[in-house]
Amino acid sequence: QVQLVESGGGLVQAGASLRLSCAASGRTFSGHAMAWFRQAPGKEREFVAAISWSGGRTYYADSVKGRLTISRDNAKNTVYLQMNNLKPEDTALYYCASVVSPLYIPSSEREYRYWGQGTQVTVPS
């Protein structure tokens, strides 16, 4: 079992930056692909970004390319989401997710096994 705990969300103005963190505990972090998803009010949860277990490969939703960057520190069992130039449409509950997948980076919600409780990001319009 893997437990995931997100942090770093908050209320920020448009154009500001935030860095979300997701700390994993429990079973080994090795071999886990990690991802961030988000769910805005009244909308379905959507894929944001994912990273391979080595950190060498990343994958982003088109809507966040160039503004959000996913990274990981396996020594700290932590994955990050650096969010720059935030927009009101980035307002959502952000979830961290993981699955054992050493060769493939899933982007579908149903492919991820472990989920955190989420951290709220609010960017007023």
Protein backbone atom coordinates (compact mmCIF):
# COMPACT_ATOMS: atom_id res chain seq x y z
CA GLN A 1 0.00 0.00 0.00
CA VAL A 2 1.17 3.51 -0.84
CA GLN A 3 -0.10 6.61 0.92
CA LEU A 4 0.05 9.94 -0.91
CA VAL A 5 -0.27 13.33 0.76
CA GLU A 6 -0.45 16.52 -1.25
CA SER A 7 0.46 19.99 -0.01
CA GLY A 8 1.25 23.46 -1.32
CA GLY A 9 -2.12 24.60 -2.60
CA GLY A 10 -3.55 28.00 -1.82
CA LEU A 11 -5.28 31.15 -2.98
CA VAL A 12 -3.14 33.18 -5.40
CA GLN A 13 -3.64 35.94 -7.91
CA ALA A 14 -3.52 35.37 -11.64
CA GLY A 15 0.05 35.31 -12.90
CA ALA A 16 1.47 34.00 -9.63
CA SER A 17 3.28 30.70 -9.04
CA LEU A 18 2.77 27.75 -6.72
CA ARG A 19 4.62 24.51 -6.15
CA LEU A 20 2.58 21.50 -5.16
CA SER A 21 4.21 18.57 -3.41
CA CYS A 22 3.11 14.97 -3.05
CA ALA A 23 4.85 12.87 -0.42
CA ALA A 24 4.61 9.09 -0.68
CA SER A 25 4.94 6.64 2.15
CA GLY A 26 4.35 2.96 2.69
CA ARG A 27 5.68 0.58 0.09
CA THR A 28 8.67 1.39 -2.09
CA PHE A 29 8.39 4.33 -4.45
CA SER A 30 10.55 2.59 -7.02
CA GLY A 31 8.90 1.69 -10.30
CA HIS A 32 5.96 4.01 -9.74
CA ALA A 33 4.83 6.36 -12.46
CA MET A 34 3.38 9.47 -10.83
CA ALA A 35 0.80 11.93 -12.05
CA TRP A 36 -1.19 14.99 -11.18
CA PHE A 37 -4.88 15.28 -11.96
CA ARG A 38 -7.28 18.10 -11.16
CA GLN A 39 -11.00 18.56 -10.74
CA ALA A 40 -12.67 21.92 -11.11
CA PRO A 41 -16.11 22.60 -9.59
CA GLY A 42 -18.82 20.97 -11.64
CA LYS A 43 -16.36 19.23 -13.94
CA GLU A 44 -14.85 15.77 -14.25
CA ARG A 45 -11.36 15.06 -13.01
CA GLU A 46 -8.79 15.61 -15.76
CA PHE A 47 -5.19 14.65 -16.40
CA VAL A 48 -2.57 17.38 -15.87
CA ALA A 49 0.91 15.82 -16.00
CA ALA A 50 2.77 12.56 -15.42
CA ILE A 51 6.36 11.46 -14.92
CA SER A 52 8.16 8.15 -15.29
CA TRP A 53 9.61 6.46 -12.23
CA SER A 54 13.14 7.48 -13.23
CA GLY A 55 12.06 11.06 -13.87
CA GLY A 56 13.48 10.95 -17.36
CA ARG A 57 10.18 11.19 -19.21
CA THR A 58 7.27 13.53 -18.69
CA TYR A 59 3.89 14.02 -20.29
CA TYR A 60 1.53 17.01 -20.10
CA ALA A 61 -1.98 17.98 -20.99
CA ASP A 62 -1.98 20.50 -23.84
CA SER A 63 -3.70 23.07 -21.63
CA VAL A 64 -0.76 23.28 -19.22
CA LYS A 65 2.27 22.84 -21.47
CA GLY A 66 4.82 25.57 -20.92
CA ARG A 67 3.35 26.68 -17.58
CA LEU A 68 3.36 23.59 -15.37
CA THR A 69 6.35 21.33 -14.75
CA ILE A 70 6.29 17.95 -13.05
CA SER A 71 9.40 16.60 -11.34
CA ARG A 72 10.31 14.05 -8.69
CA ASP A 73 12.92 13.37 -6.04
CA ASN A 74 13.00 9.62 -5.43
CA ALA A 75 15.37 10.04 -2.50
CA LYS A 76 12.60 11.99 -0.77
CA ASN A 77 9.72 9.93 -2.19
CA THR A 78 8.21 13.16 -3.41
CA VAL A 79 6.78 14.43 -6.69
CA TYR A 80 6.27 18.12 -7.44
CA LEU A 81 4.16 20.27 -9.71
CA GLN A 82 5.61 23.70 -10.36
CA MET A 83 2.82 25.97 -11.53
CA ASN A 84 3.74 29.28 -13.16
CA ASN A 85 1.60 32.06 -14.63
CA LEU A 86 -1.51 30.69 -12.96
CA LYS A 87 -4.87 31.43 -14.54
CA PRO A 88 -8.42 31.38 -13.17
CA GLU A 89 -9.05 28.22 -15.21
CA ASP A 90 -6.39 26.47 -13.13
CA THR A 91 -8.70 26.66 -10.12
CA ALA A 92 -9.31 23.08 -9.01
CA LEU A 93 -8.63 20.40 -6.45
CA TYR A 94 -5.29 18.86 -7.44
CA TYR A 95 -4.71 15.16 -6.86
CA CYS A 96 -1.53 13.15 -6.86
CA ALA A 97 -1.70 9.57 -8.15
CA SER A 98 0.69 6.67 -8.62
CA VAL A 99 0.86 3.19 -10.10
CA VAL A 100 3.60 0.61 -10.52
CA SER A 101 4.56 1.15 -14.16
CA PRO A 102 8.32 1.11 -14.83
CA LEU A 103 8.13 1.35 -18.64
CA TYR A 104 4.93 3.19 -19.47
CA ILE A 105 3.48 6.54 -18.33
CA PRO A 106 -0.29 6.24 -17.97
CA SER A 107 -2.43 9.32 -18.56
CA SER A 108 -5.82 7.82 -17.85
CA GLU A 109 -7.37 8.18 -14.41
CA ARG A 110 -8.49 4.56 -14.34
CA GLU A 111 -4.90 3.33 -14.74
CA TYR A 112 -3.72 4.82 -11.46
CA ARG A 113 -4.05 2.77 -8.30
CA TYR A 114 -3.09 5.09 -5.45
CA TRP A 115 -4.54 8.54 -4.84
CA GLY A 116 -4.07 11.37 -2.40
CA GLN A 117 -6.83 13.46 -0.87
CA GLY A 118 -6.08 16.55 -2.93
CA THR A 119 -4.92 20.12 -2.37
CA GLN A 120 -6.98 23.12 -3.43
CA VAL A 121 -5.65 25.76 -5.82
CA THR A 122 -7.76 28.88 -6.28
CA VAL A 123 -7.01 31.65 -8.75
CA PRO A 124 -9.72 34.33 -8.65
CA SER A 125 -10.78 35.92 -11.90
